[in-house]
C-alpha cells in the first residue's frame, strides 16, 4: 500500500502542491541548522523547473507515520545523529517504499552519520555516485559531479548513495556544504554564482526524485 501511496504522490505532483520535510533527529546534532535553506530551494525549484512544492517545508521526526507523506526528506547539521530501533525501522520502511533521504554534512557530521547509515542499511554499501549519474545531468549539467560550495579541509566534494534494487534511496553529500549555498545571501555572503550552483544542484536532486 505504501508503494501505491508514493506512486499517487508522484502522479499528482504536476497538479497539486507537494511538501518536503526537514528531519528532526536526536543525538545532539543541530538538525535545525540552515533554516533558510529549504525555503530558498523550494522557491528556486518552483520558479526554474516548474515544481509545485509548498513554500514552507514541514518538520518530521524519524519515527512519525507522517514521513510517508513526503517524497523528499532532508537532514543536515554539524554533530551526532542517533536513531533508535523504532526510528530505524520507520525510516527503512519509508525508503524501501519509495521515499528519498538527502543528508547534507554541514561539517562535523561525517564520523557519526556513516555509522547511522550503516545501521539503517547493514547489507547495503554506501557507494560514491559517479559524475555520469543522472542526478548530475538534468535539468542542469554538472559534468564533474557534486559541486564545491564551501571549503573546509581542502578535500574534494563527494556524493555517496545507498541503492536498493538499483534505485537511489539515500543521498549523502560530503565536503560540499550544499545547504549553506541554499541559505539567504547574507548568511554566508557567497557570490551569486556560488549560490546559483548550489541551488541548481538542489534542483537536480528534486528533479531526479520526481522523474525516477
C-alpha atoms as a PDB file:
ATOM      1  CA  UNK A   1       0.000   0.000   0.000  1.00  0.00           C
ATOM      2  CA  UNK A   2       2.832   2.397   0.767  1.00  0.00           C
ATOM      3  CA  UNK A   3       4.295   1.923  -2.726  1.00  0.00           C
ATOM      4  CA  UNK A   4       0.890   2.765  -4.181  1.00  0.00           C
ATOM      5  CA  UNK A   5       0.724   5.802  -1.900  1.00  0.00           C
ATOM      6  CA  UNK A   6       4.050   7.125  -3.203  1.00  0.00           C
ATOM      7  CA  UNK A   7       3.032   6.415  -6.792  1.00  0.00           C
ATOM      8  CA  UNK A   8      -0.072   8.509  -6.308  1.00  0.00           C
ATOM      9  CA  UNK A   9       2.043  11.268  -4.799  1.00  0.00           C
ATOM     10  CA  UNK A  10       4.333  11.266  -7.816  1.00  0.00           C
ATOM     11  CA  UNK A  11       1.492  11.144 -10.343  1.00  0.00           C
ATOM     12  CA  UNK A  12      -0.308  14.022  -8.664  1.00  0.00           C
ATOM     13  CA  UNK A  13       2.843  16.149  -8.452  1.00  0.00           C
ATOM     14  CA  UNK A  14       2.074  18.167 -11.575  1.00  0.00           C
ATOM     15  CA  UNK A  15      -1.447  19.055 -10.393  1.00  0.00           C
ATOM     16  CA  UNK A  16      -1.269  19.518  -6.649  1.00  0.00           C
ATOM     17  CA  UNK A  17       1.128  21.068  -4.188  1.00  0.00           C
ATOM     18  CA  UNK A  18       3.505  18.663  -2.514  1.00  0.00           C
ATOM     19  CA  UNK A  19       5.517  19.086   0.660  1.00  0.00           C
ATOM     20  CA  UNK A  20       9.094  18.293   1.502  1.00  0.00           C
ATOM     21  CA  UNK A  21      10.346  17.985   5.066  1.00  0.00           C
ATOM     22  CA  UNK A  22      13.284  18.560   7.376  1.00  0.00           C
ATOM     23  CA  UNK A  23      14.129  15.675   9.701  1.00  0.00           C
ATOM     24  CA  UNK A  24      14.223  16.484  13.415  1.00  0.00           C
ATOM     25  CA  UNK A  25      16.610  13.855  14.766  1.00  0.00           C
ATOM     26  CA  UNK A  26      18.149  13.119  18.170  1.00  0.00           C
ATOM     27  CA  UNK A  27      21.748  12.679  19.292  1.00  0.00           C
ATOM     28  CA  UNK A  28      22.894  16.225  19.897  1.00  0.00           C
ATOM     29  CA  UNK A  29      23.425  17.415  16.343  1.00  0.00           C
ATOM     30  CA  UNK A  30      21.839  20.692  15.274  1.00  0.00           C
ATOM     31  CA  UNK A  31      19.106  19.364  12.987  1.00  0.00           C
ATOM     32  CA  UNK A  32      17.752  22.918  12.715  1.00  0.00           C
ATOM     33  CA  UNK A  33      20.894  24.341  11.053  1.00  0.00           C
ATOM     34  CA  UNK A  34      20.424  26.322   7.822  1.00  0.00           C
ATOM     35  CA  UNK A  35      16.837  27.469   8.470  1.00  0.00           C
ATOM     36  CA  UNK A  36      16.537  29.373   5.186  1.00  0.00           C
ATOM     37  CA  UNK A  37      17.931  26.569   3.002  1.00  0.00           C
ATOM     38  CA  UNK A  38      14.854  24.537   2.146  1.00  0.00           C
ATOM     39  CA  UNK A  39      12.517  27.527   1.650  1.00  0.00           C
ATOM     40  CA  UNK A  40      15.021  29.001  -0.802  1.00  0.00           C
ATOM     41  CA  UNK A  41      15.459  25.690  -2.604  1.00  0.00           C
ATOM     42  CA  UNK A  42      11.690  25.322  -2.900  1.00  0.00           C
ATOM     43  CA  UNK A  43      11.374  28.836  -4.298  1.00  0.00           C
ATOM     44  CA  UNK A  44      14.130  28.160  -6.826  1.00  0.00           C
ATOM     45  CA  UNK A  45      12.631  24.843  -7.941  1.00  0.00           C
ATOM     46  CA  UNK A  46       9.129  26.255  -8.298  1.00  0.00           C
ATOM     47  CA  UNK A  47      10.422  29.097 -10.450  1.00  0.00           C
ATOM     48  CA  UNK A  48      13.037  27.264 -12.519  1.00  0.00           C
ATOM     49  CA  UNK A  49      11.844  23.691 -13.018  1.00  0.00           C
ATOM     50  CA  UNK A  50       8.080  24.203 -12.624  1.00  0.00           C
ATOM     51  CA  UNK A  51       7.574  22.224  -9.448  1.00  0.00           C
ATOM     52  CA  UNK A  52       4.609  22.963  -7.204  1.00  0.00           C
ATOM     53  CA  UNK A  53       6.084  22.444  -3.757  1.00  0.00           C
ATOM     54  CA  UNK A  54       4.530  24.182  -0.767  1.00  0.00           C
ATOM     55  CA  UNK A  55       6.655  27.181   0.166  1.00  0.00           C
ATOM     56  CA  UNK A  56       7.193  26.197   3.801  1.00  0.00           C
ATOM     57  CA  UNK A  57       8.841  22.820   4.445  1.00  0.00           C
ATOM     58  CA  UNK A  58       7.418  20.564   7.127  1.00  0.00           C
ATOM     59  CA  UNK A  59       9.359  19.184  10.084  1.00  0.00           C
ATOM     60  CA  UNK A  60       9.118  15.454  10.706  1.00  0.00           C
ATOM     61  CA  UNK A  61      10.592  13.042  13.253  1.00  0.00           C
ATOM     62  CA  UNK A  62      12.068   9.750  12.031  1.00  0.00           C
ATOM     63  CA  UNK A  63       9.501   7.599  13.834  1.00  0.00           C
ATOM     64  CA  UNK A  64       6.457   9.541  12.621  1.00  0.00           C
ATOM     65  CA  UNK A  65       3.943   7.937  10.230  1.00  0.00           C
ATOM     66  CA  UNK A  66       3.712  11.366   8.592  1.00  0.00           C
ATOM     67  CA  UNK A  67       7.074  10.720   6.975  1.00  0.00           C
ATOM     68  CA  UNK A  68       5.303   8.723   4.268  1.00  0.00           C
ATOM     69  CA  UNK A  69       3.613  11.926   3.101  1.00  0.00           C
ATOM     70  CA  UNK A  70       6.880  13.442   1.899  1.00  0.00           C
ATOM     71  CA  UNK A  71       8.672  12.293  -1.266  1.00  0.00           C
ATOM     72  CA  UNK A  72      11.853  14.080  -0.109  1.00  0.00           C
ATOM     73  CA  UNK A  73      13.190  14.497   3.428  1.00  0.00           C
ATOM     74  CA  UNK A  74      16.343  16.417   4.301  1.00  0.00           C
ATOM     75  CA  UNK A  75      18.863  16.165   7.125  1.00  0.00           C
ATOM     76  CA  UNK A  76      21.724  18.459   7.986  1.00  0.00           C
ATOM     77  CA  UNK A  77      23.835  19.512  10.965  1.00  0.00           C
ATOM     78  CA  UNK A  78      27.301  19.522  12.472  1.00  0.00           C
ATOM     79  CA  UNK A  79      27.209  16.748  15.058  1.00  0.00           C
ATOM     80  CA  UNK A  80      25.894  13.427  16.273  1.00  0.00           C
ATOM     81  CA  UNK A  81      22.844  11.620  14.893  1.00  0.00           C
ATOM     82  CA  UNK A  82      21.124   8.767  16.718  1.00  0.00           C
ATOM     83  CA  UNK A  83      18.127   6.736  15.578  1.00  0.00           C
ATOM     84  CA  UNK A  84      16.503   4.297  17.974  1.00  0.00           C
ATOM     85  CA  UNK A  85      15.145   0.958  16.735  1.00  0.00           C
ATOM     86  CA  UNK A  86      11.664   2.326  16.063  1.00  0.00           C
ATOM     87  CA  UNK A  87      13.089   5.244  14.069  1.00  0.00           C
ATOM     88  CA  UNK A  88      15.401   2.975  12.066  1.00  0.00           C
ATOM     89  CA  UNK A  89      12.532   0.672  11.157  1.00  0.00           C
ATOM     90  CA  UNK A  90      10.260   3.531  10.128  1.00  0.00           C
ATOM     91  CA  UNK A  91      12.953   5.230   8.051  1.00  0.00           C
ATOM     92  CA  UNK A  92      13.937   1.955   6.388  1.00  0.00           C
ATOM     93  CA  UNK A  93      10.311   1.236   5.503  1.00  0.00           C
ATOM     94  CA  UNK A  94       9.924   4.761   4.149  1.00  0.00           C
ATOM     95  CA  UNK A  95      12.985   4.473   1.931  1.00  0.00           C
ATOM     96  CA  UNK A  96      12.131   0.979   0.730  1.00  0.00           C
ATOM     97  CA  UNK A  97       8.628   2.163  -0.134  1.00  0.00           C
ATOM     98  CA  UNK A  98       9.648   4.977  -2.468  1.00  0.00           C
ATOM     99  CA  UNK A  99      10.886   7.746  -0.184  1.00  0.00           C
ATOM    100  CA  UNK A 100      14.151   9.647  -0.522  1.00  0.00           C
ATOM    101  CA  UNK A 101      16.507  10.904   2.192  1.00  0.00           C
ATOM    102  CA  UNK A 102      19.125  13.570   1.472  1.00  0.00           C
ATOM    103  CA  UNK A 103      21.749  14.019   4.184  1.00  0.00           C
ATOM    104  CA  UNK A 104      23.961  17.090   3.777  1.00  0.00           C
ATOM    105  CA  UNK A 105      27.004  17.224   6.056  1.00  0.00           C
ATOM    106  CA  UNK A 106      27.258  20.773   7.354  1.00  0.00           C
ATOM    107  CA  UNK A 107      30.803  19.949   8.519  1.00  0.00           C
ATOM    108  CA  UNK A 108      31.319  17.753  11.549  1.00  0.00           C
ATOM    109  CA  UNK A 109      28.593  15.212  10.860  1.00  0.00           C
ATOM    110  CA  UNK A 110      30.578  12.666   8.874  1.00  0.00           C
ATOM    111  CA  UNK A 111      32.030  10.493  11.643  1.00  0.00           C
ATOM    112  CA  UNK A 112      28.578   9.997  13.144  1.00  0.00           C
ATOM    113  CA  UNK A 113      26.311   9.760  10.140  1.00  0.00           C
ATOM    114  CA  UNK A 114      28.235   6.961   8.450  1.00  0.00           C
ATOM    115  CA  UNK A 115      27.615   4.715  11.462  1.00  0.00           C
ATOM    116  CA  UNK A 116      23.955   5.679  11.440  1.00  0.00           C
ATOM    117  CA  UNK A 117      23.590   4.911   7.729  1.00  0.00           C
ATOM    118  CA  UNK A 118      25.242   1.530   8.259  1.00  0.00           C
ATOM    119  CA  UNK A 119      22.698   0.692  10.951  1.00  0.00           C
ATOM    120  CA  UNK A 120      19.880   1.725   8.628  1.00  0.00           C
ATOM    121  CA  UNK A 121      21.163  -0.456   5.782  1.00  0.00           C
ATOM    122  CA  UNK A 122      23.586  -3.041   7.180  1.00  0.00           C
ATOM    123  CA  UNK A 123      23.550  -5.076   3.964  1.00  0.00           C
ATOM    124  CA  UNK A 124      23.938  -2.165   1.547  1.00  0.00           C
ATOM    125  CA  UNK A 125      27.206  -0.369   0.886  1.00  0.00           C
ATOM    126  CA  UNK A 126      27.393   3.410   0.884  1.00  0.00           C
ATOM    127  CA  UNK A 127      28.987   3.955  -2.519  1.00  0.00           C
ATOM    128  CA  UNK A 128      30.289   7.039  -4.272  1.00  0.00           C
ATOM    129  CA  UNK A 129      27.949   8.202  -7.023  1.00  0.00           C
ATOM    130  CA  UNK A 130      29.823   8.700 -10.318  1.00  0.00           C
ATOM    131  CA  UNK A 131      29.733  12.016 -12.157  1.00  0.00           C
ATOM    132  CA  UNK A 132      27.831  10.455 -15.062  1.00  0.00           C
ATOM    133  CA  UNK A 133      24.853   9.535 -12.859  1.00  0.00           C
ATOM    134  CA  UNK A 134      21.502  11.018 -13.882  1.00  0.00           C
ATOM    135  CA  UNK A 135      21.316  13.172 -10.743  1.00  0.00           C
ATOM    136  CA  UNK A 136      24.149  15.307 -12.139  1.00  0.00           C
ATOM    137  CA  UNK A 137      22.737  15.553 -15.665  1.00  0.00           C
ATOM    138  CA  UNK A 138      19.267  17.122 -15.570  1.00  0.00           C
ATOM    139  CA  UNK A 139      17.951  19.732 -15.679  1.00  0.00           C
ATOM    140  CA  UNK A 140      21.373  21.296 -15.023  1.00  0.00           C
ATOM    141  CA  UNK A 141      24.585  19.649 -16.125  1.00  0.00           C
ATOM    142  CA  UNK A 142      27.357  19.024 -13.596  1.00  0.00           C
ATOM    143  CA  UNK A 143      29.971  17.144 -15.662  1.00  0.00           C
ATOM    144  CA  UNK A 144      32.323  16.840 -12.681  1.00  0.00           C
ATOM    145  CA  UNK A 145      29.669  15.633 -10.270  1.00  0.00           C
ATOM    146  CA  UNK A 146      28.863  17.305  -6.958  1.00  0.00           C
ATOM    147  CA  UNK A 147      29.968  20.970  -6.869  1.00  0.00           C
ATOM    148  CA  UNK A 148      32.094  22.517  -4.130  1.00  0.00           C
ATOM    149  CA  UNK A 149      30.282  25.274  -2.229  1.00  0.00           C
ATOM    150  CA  UNK A 150      32.390  25.902   0.912  1.00  0.00           C
ATOM    151  CA  UNK A 151      35.986  24.962   1.655  1.00  0.00           C
ATOM    152  CA  UNK A 152      36.953  23.295   4.922  1.00  0.00           C
ATOM    153  CA  UNK A 153      39.723  20.722   4.639  1.00  0.00           C
ATOM    154  CA  UNK A 154      40.833  21.147   1.032  1.00  0.00           C
ATOM    155  CA  UNK A 155      39.059  17.911   0.114  1.00  0.00           C
ATOM    156  CA  UNK A 156      37.008  17.277  -2.988  1.00  0.00           C
ATOM    157  CA  UNK A 157      33.216  17.178  -2.683  1.00  0.00           C
ATOM    158  CA  UNK A 158      31.709  13.693  -2.807  1.00  0.00           C
ATOM    159  CA  UNK A 159      28.200  12.346  -3.258  1.00  0.00           C
ATOM    160  CA  UNK A 160      27.519   8.945  -1.729  1.00  0.00           C
ATOM    161  CA  UNK A 161      24.403   6.846  -2.050  1.00  0.00           C
ATOM    162  CA  UNK A 162      22.519   3.815  -0.885  1.00  0.00           C
ATOM    163  CA  UNK A 163      20.905   1.921  -3.743  1.00  0.00           C
ATOM    164  CA  UNK A 164      18.051  -0.536  -3.219  1.00  0.00           C
ATOM    165  CA  UNK A 165      17.205  -2.636  -6.279  1.00  0.00           C
ATOM    166  CA  UNK A 166      19.139  -0.139  -8.413  1.00  0.00           C
ATOM    167  CA  UNK A 167      17.121   2.802  -7.039  1.00  0.00           C
ATOM    168  CA  UNK A 168      18.916   5.604  -5.234  1.00  0.00           C
ATOM    169  CA  UNK A 169      17.081   5.940  -1.911  1.00  0.00           C
ATOM    170  CA  UNK A 170      19.627   7.861   0.182  1.00  0.00           C
ATOM    171  CA  UNK A 171      21.973  10.620  -0.922  1.00  0.00           C
ATOM    172  CA  UNK A 172      24.792  11.776   1.349  1.00  0.00           C
ATOM    173  CA  UNK A 173      26.624  14.931   0.252  1.00  0.00           C
ATOM    174  CA  UNK A 174      30.042  15.395   1.873  1.00  0.00           C
ATOM    175  CA  UNK A 175      32.709  18.145   1.781  1.00  0.00           C
ATOM    176  CA  UNK A 176      30.304  20.282  -0.199  1.00  0.00           C
ATOM    177  CA  UNK A 177      28.053  22.325   2.143  1.00  0.00           C
ATOM    178  CA  UNK A 178      25.271  22.297  -0.399  1.00  0.00           C
ATOM    179  CA  UNK A 179      22.710  23.529   2.133  1.00  0.00           C
ATOM    180  CA  UNK A 180      24.874  26.518   3.033  1.00  0.00           C
ATOM    181  CA  UNK A 181      24.668  27.559  -0.598  1.00  0.00           C
ATOM    182  CA  UNK A 182      20.876  27.444  -0.430  1.00  0.00           C
ATOM    183  CA  UNK A 183      20.724  29.866   2.507  1.00  0.00           C
ATOM    184  CA  UNK A 184      19.883  33.565   2.275  1.00  0.00           C
ATOM    185  CA  UNK A 185      22.669  35.513   0.602  1.00  0.00           C
ATOM    186  CA  UNK A 186      23.627  37.478   3.728  1.00  0.00           C
ATOM    187  CA  UNK A 187      24.152  34.354   5.857  1.00  0.00           C
ATOM    188  CA  UNK A 188      27.450  33.343   4.264  1.00  0.00           C
ATOM    189  CA  UNK A 189      27.993  36.205   1.803  1.00  0.00           C
ATOM    190  CA  UNK A 190      28.533  33.732  -1.020  1.00  0.00           C
ATOM    191  CA  UNK A 191      28.858  35.144  -4.539  1.00  0.00           C
ATOM    192  CA  UNK A 192      25.765  34.859  -6.719  1.00  0.00           C
ATOM    193  CA  UNK A 193      27.397  32.243  -8.932  1.00  0.00           C
ATOM    194  CA  UNK A 194      28.169  30.011  -5.933  1.00  0.00           C
ATOM    195  CA  UNK A 195      24.597  30.190  -4.641  1.00  0.00           C
ATOM    196  CA  UNK A 196      23.253  29.525  -8.118  1.00  0.00           C
ATOM    197  CA  UNK A 197      25.474  26.471  -8.419  1.00  0.00           C
ATOM    198  CA  UNK A 198      24.187  25.116  -5.116  1.00  0.00           C
ATOM    199  CA  UNK A 199      20.551  25.797  -5.968  1.00  0.00           C
ATOM    200  CA  UNK A 200      20.879  24.197  -9.386  1.00  0.00           C
ATOM    201  CA  UNK A 201      22.360  21.061  -7.829  1.00  0.00           C
ATOM    202  CA  UNK A 202      19.489  21.042  -5.346  1.00  0.00           C
ATOM    203  CA  UNK A 203      17.028  21.369  -8.213  1.00  0.00           C
ATOM    204  CA  UNK A 204      18.664  18.354  -9.861  1.00  0.00           C
ATOM    205  CA  UNK A 205      18.033  16.316  -6.719  1.00  0.00           C
ATOM    206  CA  UNK A 206      14.362  17.305  -6.630  1.00  0.00           C
ATOM    207  CA  UNK A 207      14.004  16.695 -10.376  1.00  0.00           C
ATOM    208  CA  UNK A 208      15.595  13.267 -10.042  1.00  0.00           C
ATOM    209  CA  UNK A 209      13.184  12.225  -7.288  1.00  0.00           C
ATOM    210  CA  UNK A 210      10.100  13.087  -9.309  1.00  0.00           C
ATOM    211  CA  UNK A 211      11.330  11.574 -12.545  1.00  0.00           C
ATOM    212  CA  UNK A 212      12.831   8.271 -11.445  1.00  0.00           C
END
